[in-house]
Amino acid sequence: MTVYETAMSKLYRLPEPLIQEVSNFIDFLLTRSDHTRWQMWSQFTEGLALAESGMSDYLPDLEDYENRLARGEIRW
């Protein structure tokens, strides 16, 4: 039995929700094997992680900066 046939026989035994997970993983593998798409995906996830990681500190710092500008303590 080939690797393909073994994988397909296992796939046929899975319940529907797990088949969806396998399908999603196959999409991931296909994306990873396409260099251009993988770079785009990597840049997107890095940007998303960066945006989500520092927002809790960023907004108070921005408000403080704006208040200091308004009071004339600093200049633009």
C-alpha atoms as a PDB file:
ATOM      1  CA  MET A   1       0.000   0.000   0.000  1.00  0.00           C
ATOM      2  CA  THR A   2       1.376   3.441  -0.958  1.00  0.00           C
ATOM      3  CA  VAL A   3       1.614   6.389   1.423  1.00  0.00           C
ATOM      4  CA  TYR A   4      -1.237   8.023  -0.509  1.00  0.00           C
ATOM      5  CA  GLU A   5      -3.464   4.945  -0.110  1.00  0.00           C
ATOM      6  CA  THR A   6      -2.629   4.657   3.597  1.00  0.00           C
ATOM      7  CA  ALA A   7      -3.441   8.327   4.178  1.00  0.00           C
ATOM      8  CA  MET A   8      -6.705   8.062   2.256  1.00  0.00           C
ATOM      9  CA  SER A   9      -7.812   4.979   4.202  1.00  0.00           C
ATOM     10  CA  LYS A  10      -7.180   6.859   7.460  1.00  0.00           C
ATOM     11  CA  LEU A  11      -9.059   9.894   6.138  1.00  0.00           C
ATOM     12  CA  TYR A  12     -12.127   7.808   5.352  1.00  0.00           C
ATOM     13  CA  ARG A  13     -12.294   6.672   8.988  1.00  0.00           C
ATOM     14  CA  LEU A  14     -12.337  10.204  10.439  1.00  0.00           C
ATOM     15  CA  PRO A  15     -15.510  11.971  11.569  1.00  0.00           C
ATOM     16  CA  GLU A  16     -16.566  15.093   9.653  1.00  0.00           C
ATOM     17  CA  PRO A  17     -15.109  17.706  12.089  1.00  0.00           C
ATOM     18  CA  LEU A  18     -11.687  16.071  11.917  1.00  0.00           C
ATOM     19  CA  ILE A  19     -11.828  15.919   8.133  1.00  0.00           C
ATOM     20  CA  GLN A  20     -12.269  19.710   8.172  1.00  0.00           C
ATOM     21  CA  GLU A  21      -9.160  20.028  10.345  1.00  0.00           C
ATOM     22  CA  VAL A  22      -7.202  17.810   7.948  1.00  0.00           C
ATOM     23  CA  SER A  23      -8.410  19.929   5.037  1.00  0.00           C
ATOM     24  CA  ASN A  24      -7.290  23.101   6.823  1.00  0.00           C
ATOM     25  CA  PHE A  25      -3.887  21.548   7.483  1.00  0.00           C
ATOM     26  CA  ILE A  26      -3.543  20.572   3.835  1.00  0.00           C
ATOM     27  CA  ASP A  27      -4.300  24.194   2.891  1.00  0.00           C
ATOM     28  CA  PHE A  28      -1.575  25.286   5.302  1.00  0.00           C
ATOM     29  CA  LEU A  29       0.929  22.868   3.741  1.00  0.00           C
ATOM     30  CA  LEU A  30       0.056  24.071   0.246  1.00  0.00           C
ATOM     31  CA  THR A  31       0.492  27.690   1.323  1.00  0.00           C
ATOM     32  CA  ARG A  32       3.822  26.892   2.964  1.00  0.00           C
ATOM     33  CA  SER A  33       5.095  25.207  -0.190  1.00  0.00           C
ATOM     34  CA  ASP A  34       4.290  28.322  -2.284  1.00  0.00           C
ATOM     35  CA  HIS A  35       7.146  30.710  -1.418  1.00  0.00           C
ATOM     36  CA  THR A  36       5.282  33.917  -2.352  1.00  0.00           C
ATOM     37  CA  ARG A  37       2.098  32.992  -0.499  1.00  0.00           C
ATOM     38  CA  TRP A  38       4.116  31.836   2.518  1.00  0.00           C
ATOM     39  CA  GLN A  39       5.964  35.168   2.695  1.00  0.00           C
ATOM     40  CA  MET A  40       2.672  37.054   2.508  1.00  0.00           C
ATOM     41  CA  TRP A  41       1.189  34.856   5.250  1.00  0.00           C
ATOM     42  CA  SER A  42       4.278  35.291   7.452  1.00  0.00           C
ATOM     43  CA  GLN A  43       4.212  39.071   7.068  1.00  0.00           C
ATOM     44  CA  PHE A  44       0.500  39.158   7.862  1.00  0.00           C
ATOM     45  CA  THR A  45       0.826  37.051  11.015  1.00  0.00           C
ATOM     46  CA  GLU A  46       3.884  39.000  12.212  1.00  0.00           C
ATOM     47  CA  GLY A  47       2.033  42.273  11.707  1.00  0.00           C
ATOM     48  CA  LEU A  48      -1.028  40.945  13.474  1.00  0.00           C
ATOM     49  CA  ALA A  49       1.018  39.736  16.438  1.00  0.00           C
ATOM     50  CA  LEU A  50       2.794  43.086  16.639  1.00  0.00           C
ATOM     51  CA  ALA A  51      -0.465  45.011  16.474  1.00  0.00           C
ATOM     52  CA  GLU A  52      -2.064  42.910  19.195  1.00  0.00           C
ATOM     53  CA  SER A  53       0.936  42.708  21.496  1.00  0.00           C
ATOM     54  CA  GLY A  54       1.607  46.355  22.196  1.00  0.00           C
ATOM     55  CA  MET A  55      -1.769  48.056  22.014  1.00  0.00           C
ATOM     56  CA  SER A  56      -2.398  47.938  25.766  1.00  0.00           C
ATOM     57  CA  ASP A  57       0.724  50.029  26.378  1.00  0.00           C
ATOM     58  CA  TYR A  58       0.457  52.139  23.253  1.00  0.00           C
ATOM     59  CA  LEU A  59      -2.856  53.884  23.922  1.00  0.00           C
ATOM     60  CA  PRO A  60      -2.006  55.225  27.418  1.00  0.00           C
ATOM     61  CA  ASP A  61       1.370  56.384  26.098  1.00  0.00           C
ATOM     62  CA  LEU A  62      -0.343  58.143  23.195  1.00  0.00           C
ATOM     63  CA  GLU A  63      -2.805  59.884  25.530  1.00  0.00           C
ATOM     64  CA  ASP A  64       0.056  61.005  27.775  1.00  0.00           C
ATOM     65  CA  TYR A  65       1.936  62.323  24.740  1.00  0.00           C
ATOM     66  CA  GLU A  66      -1.116  64.231  23.516  1.00  0.00           C
ATOM     67  CA  ASN A  67      -1.688  65.746  26.968  1.00  0.00           C
ATOM     68  CA  ARG A  68       1.940  66.821  27.220  1.00  0.00           C
ATOM     69  CA  LEU A  69       1.669  68.423  23.766  1.00  0.00           C
ATOM     70  CA  ALA A  70      -1.501  70.271  24.825  1.00  0.00           C
ATOM     71  CA  ARG A  71       0.172  71.570  28.003  1.00  0.00           C
ATOM     72  CA  GLY A  72       3.160  72.750  25.966  1.00  0.00           C
ATOM     73  CA  GLU A  73       5.611  70.493  27.786  1.00  0.00           C
ATOM     74  CA  ILE A  74       6.822  69.100  24.477  1.00  0.00           C
ATOM     75  CA  ARG A  75       6.666  70.295  20.896  1.00  0.00           C
ATOM     76  CA  TRP A  76       5.732  68.398  17.770  1.00  0.00           C
END
